[in-house]
Amino acid sequence: MAPAVGLGTTGPVERGWTLYILSVVMVVVAGLFVGLRIGTTAARRRLGMDDWTILAALVGLDEPCLLVICVGYQN
């Protein structure tokens, strides 16, 4: 069952699905880049505080972002 993103809004232009897809793609791309960074620094066995910080930021900020995307774009 597809989420009701952008459906039910009235107006000449409905951009709900466009915003939803764009946001999800950006979150996935950010995750890929963070994964590549963590992977390359782990291969060198030099995980530093900056790597842990970027990983925490990805997990801590992407979850609320996806929640807003799924819930906020419904209306």
Protein backbone atom coordinates (compact mmCIF):
# COMPACT_ATOMS: atom_id res chain seq x y z
CA MET A 1 0.00 0.00 0.00
CA ALA A 2 1.52 3.29 -1.06
CA PRO A 3 1.63 6.19 1.40
CA ALA A 4 -0.79 9.03 0.77
CA VAL A 5 1.99 11.47 -0.05
CA GLY A 6 0.77 14.59 -1.78
CA LEU A 7 -2.68 13.18 -2.28
CA GLY A 8 -5.64 15.12 -1.06
CA THR A 9 -4.07 18.54 -1.46
CA THR A 10 -5.89 20.96 -3.68
CA GLY A 11 -4.26 23.47 -5.93
CA PRO A 12 -2.90 23.89 -9.41
CA VAL A 13 0.41 22.13 -8.69
CA GLU A 14 0.86 19.15 -6.39
CA ARG A 15 4.51 18.47 -5.64
CA GLY A 16 4.07 15.93 -2.84
CA TRP A 17 5.40 12.92 -4.74
CA THR A 18 8.26 14.92 -6.24
CA LEU A 19 9.39 16.12 -2.80
CA TYR A 20 9.00 12.64 -1.37
CA ILE A 21 11.08 10.95 -4.06
CA LEU A 22 13.74 13.66 -4.04
CA SER A 23 14.08 13.53 -0.27
CA VAL A 24 14.36 9.76 -0.16
CA VAL A 25 16.95 9.76 -2.94
CA MET A 26 19.04 12.39 -1.12
CA VAL A 27 18.94 10.40 2.12
CA VAL A 28 20.04 7.26 0.28
CA VAL A 29 22.85 9.10 -1.54
CA ALA A 30 24.05 10.60 1.76
CA GLY A 31 24.05 7.13 3.30
CA LEU A 32 26.10 5.76 0.42
CA PHE A 33 28.72 8.48 0.76
CA VAL A 34 28.97 8.02 4.51
CA GLY A 35 29.24 4.27 4.00
CA LEU A 36 32.06 4.75 1.50
CA ARG A 37 33.88 7.08 3.87
CA ILE A 38 33.53 4.72 6.83
CA GLY A 39 34.57 1.78 4.65
CA THR A 40 37.72 3.41 3.35
CA THR A 41 38.83 4.71 6.73
CA ALA A 42 38.09 1.35 8.37
CA ALA A 43 40.19 -0.36 5.71
CA ARG A 44 43.10 1.85 6.76
CA ARG A 45 42.27 1.09 10.41
CA ARG A 46 42.08 4.78 11.23
CA LEU A 47 38.53 5.42 12.39
CA GLY A 48 38.64 8.75 14.16
CA MET A 49 36.23 10.91 16.07
CA ASP A 50 35.13 12.65 12.86
CA ASP A 51 34.02 9.33 11.38
CA TRP A 52 31.94 8.47 14.44
CA THR A 53 30.46 11.97 14.42
CA ILE A 54 29.39 11.79 10.78
CA LEU A 55 27.88 8.35 11.36
CA ALA A 56 25.94 9.62 14.39
CA ALA A 57 24.75 12.62 12.38
CA LEU A 58 23.54 10.38 9.56
CA VAL A 59 21.59 8.14 11.90
CA GLY A 60 20.40 10.92 14.16
CA LEU A 61 19.27 13.33 11.48
CA ASP A 62 18.03 11.05 8.71
CA GLU A 63 15.45 9.27 10.82
CA PRO A 64 13.56 12.46 11.79
CA CYS A 65 13.92 13.67 8.21
CA LEU A 66 12.30 10.52 6.84
CA LEU A 67 9.57 10.78 9.47
CA VAL A 68 8.79 14.33 8.38
CA ILE A 69 8.82 13.25 4.76
CA CYS A 70 6.38 10.40 5.30
CA VAL A 71 4.05 12.20 7.71
CA GLY A 72 4.44 15.82 6.70
CA TYR A 73 3.91 15.45 2.97
CA GLN A 74 0.61 13.65 3.41
CA ASN A 75 -1.29 16.87 3.99
